[in-house]
Amino acid sequence: MTSPATEPRSRFGIRARLLALLLPCILGLLALDSWNDYRALRSLVQDAYDSVMLEAADALRRSVVPAADGALQLDASAAQVQRMFEAASRKTGHLRVELRPQGAAPAAGRLLLGDADLPPPPAGSDGASPVWFDGSYRGQPVRMVALRSTVVDGHGQSFELRVQTAEGTEPRQHAEAASLRQQFFRDARMVVLVILLVWLGVTWSLRPLERLRRSVVQRRGQLPEPLDAGGVPHEVAPLVEAVNQNVASYRGLLDQQSQFLADASHQLRTPLAIMLTQAGVALREKDSTQLHATLRAMVTQIARSRRLCEQLLSLAHANDGTQPPQTSQRADLNAISKDVVLQYLTLAHEKEQDLGWVDAREDAATGDATRPAVPVQADAAELHEALANLVHNAIAYTPVGGRITVTAGVVDGVACAEVSDDGPGIAPARRAAVFERFRQAGDRAGKPTGGAGLGLAIARAYAQRNGGDIVLADAEVGTGLRAILQLPPAPPQAD
């Protein structure tokens, strides 16, 4: 018997599969959270730096006051604001305070403080205040804000006041980069911790399985024993229970095979001893007539031994634990019954017995001989063997001149093949025992038959392999026994 093909072992264990499932999800969530955090942090950083620039611009705007002569000028606080702004911007800040008469050209403006070449606000933003914009100053990217307001000097003349503060973007970028690094290291620690926890958790969970593996390896060469399921995770417990059930089934099969070999050896020992004795007698025999009688006895014994061997092989095949080779084929129980009767007609005639067969088609509504009369979904060869053992058993136990009838049909939705005889029958209390191996009915006819007691065991084994069973019942009239092979009928076929 060839072993079933097994799938190649997966290169990915439980740890790798868990990590392959968890890591993409965790990394995706961390990336999404990191992006959201980065945007929120960037907004916070921008707002913080922008507020410093706006406060400086507003303080400079309020520091423009009229002097004693009525002209507009910056008071003493402007210098302090300038120093504080430059310190806060890390020497990247720039200021510009400019006055221009109301309605005058831009060139008519007067610079009060800061850098005159600081880029002005973009066109179209004259009416807005404050105005935020980005630009480049002296080759460096800068962030700028402009405030516009109208002031009046001591002489009542109106002026347009423009205050600009600018700051290089490098400090902002450094702050954002430092925050990103911290967030990256924090997420990396979390990923490493998840991997470590998964690895340790799986190792801890699989430790009982490693113990089971060692116990199985240590039992090599010994009879299989059930595995100890103590401490095994409940997810794996059904697998251990299934293995234990398989071990119990295998031990039962081993015990059955051991008992079979012991019984077979015992049954074969007796005919071999008899033939050995007969051969010794034949070697010493001088009379040819007696010699021929001894040889005929040896031939009879050899024939019995041959049938015993055939029955042992049939029983081993019927109990090998496999399914019939073609369970989908359809067989006609009526035709099988006829073939078995024809096979055993000669043996029945030797005992002057009336062996007959009743065709199920005689009571059928149709006379179509091409359609099965009693269709079953089973292996025809195995059903033939089962029914042959029932007929042979009936011939062996029915006395000379007895009557044996084989019929087939469907009774109460069950396909049946019945072998009935008018022999002494079997007591109901002993019918279960006769299906055991090497157990003979013995007293059916009041005499031993010389059989091995395997016929009914073989018949039941083949019937059960095909989804059926053997039932023993009393004769409907008088004494006798009915051995009924019961099988589920085959489903109807479409025309």
Protein backbone atom coordinates (compact mmCIF):
# COMPACT_ATOMS: atom_id res chain seq x y z
CA MET A 1 0.00 0.00 0.00
CA THR A 2 1.47 3.31 -1.03
CA SER A 3 1.58 6.13 1.49
CA PRO A 4 -0.48 9.26 0.68
CA ALA A 5 1.39 12.20 -0.77
CA THR A 6 2.22 14.82 1.83
CA GLU A 7 2.49 18.54 1.28
CA PRO A 8 5.97 20.03 1.60
CA ARG A 9 6.73 21.58 4.96
CA SER A 10 6.07 25.29 5.05
CA ARG A 11 9.15 27.48 5.45
CA PHE A 12 7.16 29.93 7.56
CA GLY A 13 6.48 29.01 11.18
CA ILE A 14 3.89 30.42 13.55
CA ARG A 15 6.19 33.27 14.58
CA ALA A 16 6.84 34.30 10.99
CA ARG A 17 3.14 34.11 10.11
CA LEU A 18 2.11 36.18 13.13
CA LEU A 19 4.76 38.78 12.39
CA ALA A 20 3.81 38.81 8.71
CA LEU A 21 0.21 39.47 9.76
CA LEU A 22 0.89 41.98 12.55
CA LEU A 23 3.84 43.99 11.29
CA PRO A 24 2.24 45.43 8.13
CA CYS A 25 -0.80 46.50 10.14
CA ILE A 26 1.29 47.98 12.93
CA LEU A 27 3.64 49.74 10.52
CA GLY A 28 0.69 51.10 8.56
CA LEU A 29 -0.98 52.44 11.70
CA LEU A 30 2.30 53.91 12.94
CA ALA A 31 2.91 55.57 9.57
CA LEU A 32 -0.58 57.05 9.58
CA ASP A 33 -0.24 58.24 13.17
CA SER A 34 3.24 59.59 12.49
CA TRP A 35 1.99 61.54 9.49
CA ASN A 36 -0.88 63.01 11.47
CA ASP A 37 1.45 63.82 14.39
CA TYR A 38 3.97 65.36 12.02
CA ARG A 39 1.34 67.61 10.48
CA ALA A 40 0.08 68.64 13.92
CA LEU A 41 3.63 69.22 15.18
CA ARG A 42 4.58 71.17 12.08
CA SER A 43 1.52 73.35 12.57
CA LEU A 44 2.47 73.90 16.22
CA VAL A 45 6.08 74.77 15.30
CA GLN A 46 4.94 77.17 12.59
CA ASP A 47 2.43 78.82 14.92
CA ALA A 48 5.05 79.21 17.65
CA TYR A 49 7.62 80.85 15.38
CA ASP A 50 4.95 82.90 13.61
CA SER A 51 3.61 84.21 16.91
CA VAL A 52 7.09 85.45 17.85
CA MET A 53 7.38 87.22 14.48
CA LEU A 54 3.89 88.72 14.77
CA GLU A 55 4.45 89.92 18.33
CA ALA A 56 7.72 91.57 17.30
CA ALA A 57 6.04 93.27 14.33
CA ASP A 58 3.15 94.47 16.49
CA ALA A 59 5.54 95.80 19.17
CA LEU A 60 7.49 97.73 16.53
CA ARG A 61 4.25 99.13 15.11
CA ARG A 62 3.27 100.43 18.56
CA SER A 63 6.78 101.91 19.11
CA VAL A 64 6.27 104.51 16.34
CA VAL A 65 5.26 107.71 18.17
CA PRO A 66 5.48 111.51 17.42
CA ALA A 67 8.63 113.26 18.63
CA ALA A 68 8.80 116.69 20.35
CA ASP A 69 9.00 118.37 16.97
CA GLY A 70 5.95 116.48 15.76
CA ALA A 71 7.85 114.08 13.47
CA LEU A 72 7.27 110.32 13.77
CA GLN A 73 10.09 108.25 15.27
CA LEU A 74 10.75 105.01 17.14
CA ASP A 75 10.82 105.12 20.88
CA ALA A 76 13.36 103.36 23.11
CA SER A 77 11.42 100.09 23.17
CA ALA A 78 12.16 99.47 19.47
CA ALA A 79 15.82 98.70 20.18
CA GLN A 80 14.83 96.26 22.91
CA VAL A 81 12.33 94.55 20.58
CA GLN A 82 15.04 94.25 17.94
CA ARG A 83 17.46 92.58 20.36
CA MET A 84 14.87 90.15 21.67
CA PHE A 85 13.74 89.20 18.16
CA GLU A 86 17.27 88.56 16.94
CA ALA A 87 17.95 86.40 20.01
CA ALA A 88 14.74 84.42 19.53
CA SER A 89 15.38 83.86 15.82
CA ARG A 90 18.94 82.67 16.43
CA LYS A 91 20.48 85.47 14.40
CA THR A 92 18.34 84.64 11.34
CA GLY A 93 15.77 87.42 11.91
CA HIS A 94 15.41 90.63 9.89
CA LEU A 95 13.32 93.74 10.52
CA ARG A 96 12.04 96.60 8.44
CA VAL A 97 10.04 99.64 9.62
CA GLU A 98 9.15 102.13 6.89
CA LEU A 99 7.07 105.32 6.80
CA ARG A 100 5.54 106.73 3.66
CA PRO A 101 3.29 109.74 3.23
CA GLN A 102 -0.29 108.76 2.51
CA GLY A 103 -0.73 108.38 -1.27
CA ALA A 104 2.99 108.88 -2.05
CA ALA A 105 5.04 106.65 -4.32
CA PRO A 106 6.92 103.72 -2.71
CA ALA A 107 10.24 105.46 -3.41
CA ALA A 108 9.18 108.32 -1.13
CA GLY A 109 9.21 106.10 1.94
CA ARG A 110 11.55 106.68 4.86
CA LEU A 111 13.26 103.70 6.56
CA LEU A 112 13.09 103.93 10.34
CA LEU A 113 14.68 100.56 11.21
CA GLY A 114 16.04 97.41 9.65
CA ASP A 115 16.99 96.28 6.18
CA ALA A 116 15.79 98.31 3.24
CA ASP A 117 16.22 95.45 0.76
CA LEU A 118 13.89 93.10 2.58
CA PRO A 119 11.43 91.71 -0.02
CA PRO A 120 8.04 93.48 0.06
CA PRO A 121 4.72 91.61 0.34
CA PRO A 122 3.37 90.10 -2.89
CA ALA A 123 1.26 92.28 -5.16
CA GLY A 124 -2.44 92.36 -4.39
CA SER A 125 -2.01 92.11 -0.63
CA ASP A 126 -2.01 95.84 0.11
CA GLY A 127 -5.42 95.76 1.76
CA ALA A 128 -4.70 92.77 4.02
CA SER A 129 -3.04 92.84 7.40
CA PRO A 130 -1.16 90.86 8.53
CA VAL A 131 0.28 89.37 5.36
CA TRP A 132 2.23 86.08 5.64
CA PHE A 133 4.46 85.00 2.78
CA ASP A 134 7.62 83.04 2.05
CA GLY A 135 10.54 84.24 0.07
CA SER A 136 14.31 84.32 -0.23
CA TYR A 137 16.62 86.88 1.28
CA ARG A 138 20.39 86.95 0.74
CA GLY A 139 20.25 83.41 -0.67
CA GLN A 140 18.39 81.93 2.29
CA PRO A 141 14.72 80.89 2.51
CA VAL A 142 12.79 83.08 4.93
CA ARG A 143 9.33 83.34 6.41
CA MET A 144 7.95 86.91 6.54
CA VAL A 145 4.98 88.84 7.91
CA ALA A 146 3.96 92.43 7.08
CA LEU A 147 1.72 94.78 9.07
CA ARG A 148 0.20 97.89 7.50
CA SER A 149 -1.39 100.73 9.44
CA THR A 150 -1.97 104.49 9.22
CA VAL A 151 -0.34 106.85 11.73
CA VAL A 152 -0.59 110.67 12.20
CA ASP A 153 2.36 112.86 13.20
CA GLY A 154 2.24 115.86 15.49
CA HIS A 155 1.30 118.16 12.61
CA GLY A 156 -1.79 116.15 11.67
CA GLN A 157 -0.23 114.61 8.51
CA SER A 158 -1.14 110.96 7.78
CA PHE A 159 1.52 108.38 7.01
CA GLU A 160 1.38 104.74 5.94
CA LEU A 161 3.37 102.56 8.34
CA ARG A 162 4.70 99.19 7.09
CA VAL A 163 6.39 96.85 9.59
CA GLN A 164 8.00 93.62 8.35
CA THR A 165 9.67 90.82 10.28
CA ALA A 166 11.47 87.98 8.57
CA GLU A 167 13.03 84.82 9.91
CA GLY A 168 15.07 82.05 8.29
CA THR A 169 13.31 78.67 8.02
CA GLU A 170 16.36 76.70 9.18
CA PRO A 171 15.44 76.77 12.93
CA ARG A 172 11.97 75.58 12.11
CA GLN A 173 13.31 72.75 9.98
CA HIS A 174 15.72 71.73 12.75
CA ALA A 175 12.88 71.62 15.26
CA GLU A 176 10.70 69.52 12.94
CA ALA A 177 13.59 67.14 12.14
CA ALA A 178 14.38 66.65 15.83
CA SER A 179 10.73 65.83 16.55
CA LEU A 180 10.61 63.40 13.64
CA ARG A 181 13.72 61.60 14.91
CA GLN A 182 12.20 61.23 18.35
CA GLN A 183 8.97 59.92 16.88
CA PHE A 184 10.85 57.48 14.64
CA PHE A 185 12.85 56.08 17.55
CA ARG A 186 9.69 55.80 19.62
CA ASP A 187 7.90 53.86 16.86
CA ALA A 188 10.96 51.68 16.27
CA ARG A 189 11.03 50.76 19.96
CA MET A 190 7.37 49.83 19.76
CA VAL A 191 7.93 47.60 16.70
CA VAL A 192 10.90 45.88 18.36
CA LEU A 193 8.82 45.36 21.51
CA VAL A 194 5.97 43.82 19.47
CA ILE A 195 8.38 41.46 17.70
CA LEU A 196 9.94 40.45 21.01
CA LEU A 197 6.55 39.86 22.64
CA VAL A 198 5.31 37.78 19.69
CA TRP A 199 8.50 35.72 19.68
CA LEU A 200 8.43 35.10 23.43
CA GLY A 201 4.66 34.48 23.46
CA VAL A 202 4.82 31.88 20.70
CA THR A 203 7.86 30.23 22.29
CA TRP A 204 6.10 30.05 25.64
CA SER A 205 2.89 28.73 24.05
CA LEU A 206 4.72 26.06 22.05
CA ARG A 207 6.79 24.81 24.96
CA PRO A 208 4.22 22.07 25.82
CA LEU A 209 4.33 20.92 22.19
CA GLU A 210 8.10 20.65 22.39
CA ARG A 211 7.63 18.49 25.46
CA LEU A 212 5.21 16.30 23.52
CA ARG A 213 7.70 16.04 20.67
CA ARG A 214 10.45 14.86 23.00
CA SER A 215 8.17 12.28 24.57
CA VAL A 216 7.21 10.93 21.14
CA VAL A 217 10.85 10.74 20.05
CA GLN A 218 11.80 8.89 23.24
CA ARG A 219 9.15 6.25 22.51
CA ARG A 220 10.70 5.32 19.17
CA GLY A 221 10.57 1.56 18.71
CA GLN A 222 7.89 1.13 21.38
CA LEU A 223 4.15 0.74 21.18
CA PRO A 224 2.44 4.12 20.73
CA GLU A 225 0.95 5.60 23.87
CA PRO A 226 -1.57 8.45 24.21
CA LEU A 227 0.00 11.89 24.53
CA ASP A 228 -0.25 13.86 27.76
CA ALA A 229 -2.41 16.90 26.95
CA GLY A 230 -1.65 18.62 30.27
CA GLY A 231 -0.53 22.23 29.84
CA VAL A 232 -1.27 22.24 26.11
CA PRO A 233 -2.97 25.45 24.85
CA HIS A 234 -6.68 24.90 24.34
CA GLU A 235 -6.32 25.80 20.66
CA VAL A 236 -4.01 22.79 20.19
CA ALA A 237 -5.93 20.44 22.53
CA PRO A 238 -8.28 19.19 19.73
CA LEU A 239 -5.21 18.21 17.68
CA VAL A 240 -3.73 16.27 20.63
CA GLU A 241 -7.09 14.57 21.21
CA ALA A 242 -7.25 13.60 17.52
CA VAL A 243 -3.71 12.19 17.74
CA ASN A 244 -4.66 10.21 20.85
CA GLN A 245 -7.73 8.84 19.08
CA ASN A 246 -5.54 7.84 16.15
CA VAL A 247 -3.07 6.19 18.56
CA ALA A 248 -5.91 4.28 20.22
CA SER A 249 -7.21 3.18 16.81
CA TYR A 250 -3.72 2.11 15.77
CA ARG A 251 -3.20 0.16 18.98
CA GLY A 252 -6.55 -1.53 18.42
CA LEU A 253 -5.48 -2.42 14.90
CA LEU A 254 -2.19 -3.83 16.20
CA ASP A 255 -4.02 -5.87 18.83
CA GLN A 256 -6.43 -7.10 16.18
CA GLN A 257 -3.58 -8.12 13.88
CA SER A 258 -1.74 -9.84 16.74
CA GLN A 259 -4.88 -11.76 17.64
CA PHE A 260 -5.45 -12.60 14.00
CA LEU A 261 -1.92 -13.97 13.60
CA ALA A 262 -2.23 -15.97 16.80
CA ASP A 263 -5.59 -17.43 15.75
CA ALA A 264 -4.35 -18.15 12.23
CA SER A 265 -1.26 -19.90 13.56
CA HIS A 266 -3.39 -21.98 15.88
CA GLN A 267 -5.80 -22.96 13.12
CA LEU A 268 -3.02 -23.86 10.67
CA ARG A 269 -1.01 -25.84 13.22
CA THR A 270 -3.62 -28.63 13.53
CA PRO A 271 -4.02 -29.47 9.79
CA LEU A 272 -0.27 -29.32 9.30
CA ALA A 273 0.26 -31.76 12.18
CA ILE A 274 -2.40 -34.05 10.74
CA MET A 275 -0.81 -33.97 7.28
CA LEU A 276 2.63 -34.63 8.80
CA THR A 277 1.26 -37.67 10.60
CA GLN A 278 -0.51 -38.88 7.44
CA ALA A 279 2.67 -38.44 5.43
CA GLY A 280 4.58 -40.53 7.97
CA VAL A 281 1.94 -43.25 7.76
CA ALA A 282 2.09 -43.18 3.97
CA LEU A 283 5.85 -43.63 4.01
CA ARG A 284 5.52 -46.76 6.15
CA GLU A 285 2.49 -48.18 4.32
CA LYS A 286 3.13 -51.36 2.25
CA ASP A 287 -0.39 -51.94 1.01
CA SER A 288 -1.16 -49.82 -2.06
CA THR A 289 -4.86 -49.68 -1.20
CA GLN A 290 -4.15 -48.27 2.24
CA LEU A 291 -1.55 -45.97 0.71
CA HIS A 292 -4.11 -44.52 -1.68
CA ALA A 293 -6.61 -44.04 1.18
CA THR A 294 -3.98 -42.17 3.19
CA LEU A 295 -3.12 -39.96 0.22
CA ARG A 296 -6.81 -39.18 -0.35
CA ALA A 297 -7.09 -38.16 3.30
CA MET A 298 -4.05 -35.92 2.82
CA VAL A 299 -5.64 -34.36 -0.26
CA THR A 300 -8.83 -33.70 1.71
CA GLN A 301 -6.81 -32.12 4.49
CA ILE A 302 -4.85 -30.01 2.00
CA ALA A 303 -8.12 -28.80 0.45
CA ARG A 304 -9.38 -27.78 3.87
CA SER A 305 -6.11 -26.02 4.61
CA ARG A 306 -6.28 -24.24 1.27
CA ARG A 307 -9.80 -22.98 1.99
CA LEU A 308 -8.67 -21.89 5.42
CA CYS A 309 -5.81 -19.89 3.89
CA GLU A 310 -8.19 -18.34 1.36
CA GLN A 311 -10.58 -17.38 4.15
CA LEU A 312 -7.75 -15.91 6.19
CA LEU A 313 -6.68 -13.79 3.22
CA SER A 314 -10.26 -12.68 2.62
CA LEU A 315 -10.69 -11.76 6.27
CA ALA A 316 -7.43 -9.81 6.27
CA HIS A 317 -8.54 -7.92 3.16
CA ALA A 318 -12.00 -7.23 4.57
CA ASN A 319 -10.52 -5.81 7.79
CA ASP A 320 -7.59 -3.84 6.34
CA GLY A 321 -9.31 -0.56 7.23
CA THR A 322 -9.51 0.72 3.63
CA GLN A 323 -12.57 1.60 1.61
CA PRO A 324 -13.68 -0.43 -1.39
CA PRO A 325 -11.65 0.53 -4.49
CA GLN A 326 -14.67 1.79 -6.43
CA THR A 327 -17.39 2.85 -4.03
CA SER A 328 -19.18 4.75 -6.81
CA GLN A 329 -19.92 1.67 -8.94
CA ARG A 330 -23.38 0.13 -9.06
CA ALA A 331 -24.02 -3.58 -8.65
CA ASP A 332 -27.11 -5.77 -9.06
CA LEU A 333 -27.65 -7.84 -5.91
CA ASN A 334 -30.07 -10.05 -7.81
CA ALA A 335 -27.47 -10.95 -10.46
CA ILE A 336 -24.80 -11.55 -7.80
CA SER A 337 -27.15 -13.94 -5.98
CA LYS A 338 -27.65 -15.91 -9.19
CA ASP A 339 -23.91 -16.17 -9.84
CA VAL A 340 -23.24 -17.43 -6.31
CA VAL A 341 -25.95 -20.09 -6.60
CA LEU A 342 -24.51 -21.31 -9.91
CA GLN A 343 -21.06 -21.44 -8.33
CA TYR A 344 -22.19 -23.68 -5.45
CA LEU A 345 -24.65 -25.95 -7.30
CA THR A 346 -22.09 -28.73 -7.63
CA LEU A 347 -21.20 -28.66 -3.92
CA ALA A 348 -24.88 -28.70 -2.97
CA HIS A 349 -25.58 -31.64 -5.29
CA GLU A 350 -22.76 -33.62 -3.67
CA LYS A 351 -24.69 -33.35 -0.38
CA GLU A 352 -27.98 -34.04 -2.19
CA GLN A 353 -29.27 -30.61 -1.24
CA ASP A 354 -31.77 -28.52 -3.14
CA LEU A 355 -30.04 -25.15 -3.77
CA GLY A 356 -32.31 -22.71 -5.57
CA TRP A 357 -32.52 -19.07 -6.56
CA VAL A 358 -35.64 -16.92 -6.86
CA ASP A 359 -35.38 -14.23 -9.52
CA ALA A 360 -36.48 -10.86 -8.17
CA ARG A 361 -37.78 -9.94 -11.62
CA GLU A 362 -40.64 -12.38 -11.35
CA ASP A 363 -42.36 -9.93 -9.02
CA ALA A 364 -41.05 -6.82 -10.73
CA ALA A 365 -43.32 -4.51 -12.66
CA THR A 366 -40.97 -4.45 -15.62
CA GLY A 367 -39.37 -7.22 -17.54
CA ASP A 368 -36.41 -5.21 -18.78
CA ALA A 369 -33.43 -7.54 -18.31
CA THR A 370 -30.90 -4.77 -18.96
CA ARG A 371 -31.79 -2.84 -15.81
CA PRO A 372 -30.59 -4.00 -12.35
CA ALA A 373 -33.39 -5.61 -10.36
CA VAL A 374 -31.86 -4.78 -6.96
CA PRO A 375 -29.30 -1.98 -7.56
CA VAL A 376 -26.83 -1.15 -4.77
CA GLN A 377 -23.90 1.26 -4.54
CA ALA A 378 -21.18 -1.23 -3.59
CA ASP A 379 -18.29 -3.33 -4.83
CA ALA A 380 -19.67 -6.31 -6.72
CA ALA A 381 -16.67 -8.60 -6.04
CA GLU A 382 -16.88 -8.01 -2.28
CA LEU A 383 -20.64 -8.61 -2.24
CA HIS A 384 -20.06 -11.84 -4.18
CA GLU A 385 -17.53 -12.96 -1.55
CA ALA A 386 -19.87 -12.09 1.32
CA LEU A 387 -22.84 -13.90 -0.20
CA ALA A 388 -20.66 -16.89 -1.16
CA ASN A 389 -19.64 -17.32 2.48
CA LEU A 390 -23.30 -17.25 3.54
CA VAL A 391 -24.22 -19.92 0.96
CA HIS A 392 -21.19 -22.08 1.82
CA ASN A 393 -22.07 -21.80 5.50
CA ALA A 394 -25.65 -22.87 4.77
CA ILE A 395 -24.46 -25.89 2.72
CA ALA A 396 -22.08 -26.89 5.51
CA TYR A 397 -24.74 -26.84 8.24
CA THR A 398 -27.81 -28.03 6.31
CA PRO A 399 -28.23 -31.81 6.51
CA VAL A 400 -28.30 -34.12 3.50
CA GLY A 401 -31.46 -33.67 1.50
CA GLY A 402 -32.04 -30.18 2.89
CA ARG A 403 -33.30 -27.16 1.05
CA ILE A 404 -31.46 -23.84 0.57
CA THR A 405 -33.02 -20.84 -1.15
CA VAL A 406 -31.35 -17.57 -2.17
CA THR A 407 -33.50 -14.50 -2.88
CA ALA A 408 -32.89 -10.79 -3.41
CA GLY A 409 -35.16 -7.78 -3.19
CA VAL A 410 -35.92 -4.48 -1.49
CA VAL A 411 -37.67 -4.64 1.89
CA ASP A 412 -38.74 -1.43 3.68
CA GLY A 413 -36.32 0.61 1.60
CA VAL A 414 -33.35 -1.72 2.25
CA ALA A 415 -31.74 -3.90 -0.43
CA CYS A 416 -31.53 -7.50 0.85
CA ALA A 417 -30.04 -10.81 -0.29
CA GLU A 418 -31.37 -13.67 1.86
CA VAL A 419 -29.96 -17.19 2.24
CA SER A 420 -32.51 -19.41 3.99
CA ASP A 421 -32.11 -23.09 4.89
CA ASP A 422 -34.14 -25.71 6.74
CA GLY A 423 -31.32 -26.81 9.00
CA PRO A 424 -31.36 -26.77 12.82
CA GLY A 425 -30.76 -23.01 13.00
CA ILE A 426 -28.93 -21.07 15.71
CA ALA A 427 -30.29 -20.09 19.10
CA PRO A 428 -30.91 -16.32 19.30
CA ALA A 429 -28.61 -16.03 22.34
CA ARG A 430 -25.66 -17.38 20.31
CA ARG A 431 -26.13 -15.47 17.06
CA ALA A 432 -23.88 -12.56 18.03
CA ALA A 433 -21.04 -14.94 18.96
CA VAL A 434 -20.96 -16.77 15.62
CA PHE A 435 -19.74 -13.59 13.88
CA GLU A 436 -16.51 -13.75 15.89
CA ARG A 437 -13.44 -15.23 14.27
CA PHE A 438 -12.86 -18.95 14.59
CA ARG A 439 -16.21 -19.40 16.35
CA GLN A 440 -18.37 -22.17 14.89
CA ALA A 441 -22.05 -22.76 15.42
CA GLY A 442 -21.04 -26.28 16.44
CA ASP A 443 -24.34 -27.69 17.54
CA ARG A 444 -26.54 -26.51 14.64
CA ALA A 445 -26.60 -30.03 13.30
CA GLY A 446 -25.37 -31.71 16.43
CA LYS A 447 -22.01 -32.44 14.81
CA PRO A 448 -18.85 -30.42 14.10
CA THR A 449 -18.53 -29.43 10.46
CA GLY A 450 -14.76 -29.17 10.33
CA GLY A 451 -14.91 -25.53 9.24
CA ALA A 452 -12.69 -22.76 10.60
CA GLY A 453 -15.50 -20.49 11.80
CA LEU A 454 -14.58 -17.62 9.47
CA GLY A 455 -17.45 -17.55 6.98
CA LEU A 456 -19.84 -15.29 8.87
CA ALA A 457 -17.00 -13.04 10.07
CA ILE A 458 -15.83 -12.53 6.47
CA ALA A 459 -19.37 -11.91 5.23
CA ARG A 460 -20.08 -9.27 7.87
CA ALA A 461 -16.71 -7.56 7.32
CA TYR A 462 -17.37 -7.20 3.57
CA ALA A 463 -20.95 -6.06 4.20
CA GLN A 464 -19.83 -3.38 6.63
CA ARG A 465 -17.12 -2.18 4.22
CA ASN A 466 -19.90 -1.41 1.76
CA GLY A 467 -22.22 0.28 4.27
CA GLY A 468 -24.35 -2.76 5.13
CA ASP A 469 -24.56 -5.62 7.64
CA ILE A 470 -25.51 -9.29 8.12
CA VAL A 471 -28.60 -10.19 10.15
CA LEU A 472 -29.54 -13.70 11.33
CA ALA A 473 -33.22 -14.60 11.78
CA ASP A 474 -35.41 -17.66 12.26
CA ALA A 475 -36.96 -19.40 9.30
CA GLU A 476 -40.42 -18.15 8.39
CA VAL A 477 -41.79 -21.74 8.44
CA GLY A 478 -40.47 -24.62 10.52
CA THR A 479 -36.85 -24.86 11.60
CA GLY A 480 -33.94 -23.26 9.87
CA LEU A 481 -31.97 -20.05 9.62
CA ARG A 482 -32.16 -16.97 7.46
CA ALA A 483 -28.90 -15.07 6.84
CA ILE A 484 -29.78 -11.67 5.38
CA LEU A 485 -27.27 -9.38 3.69
CA GLN A 486 -28.62 -5.82 4.05
CA LEU A 487 -27.33 -2.87 2.01
CA PRO A 488 -28.52 0.67 1.28
CA PRO A 489 -30.10 0.79 -2.18
CA ALA A 490 -28.43 2.76 -4.94
CA PRO A 491 -29.95 6.16 -5.78
CA PRO A 492 -32.05 6.19 -8.93
CA GLN A 493 -30.31 7.04 -12.19
CA ALA A 494 -31.63 9.42 -14.78
CA ASP A 495 -32.78 7.79 -17.99
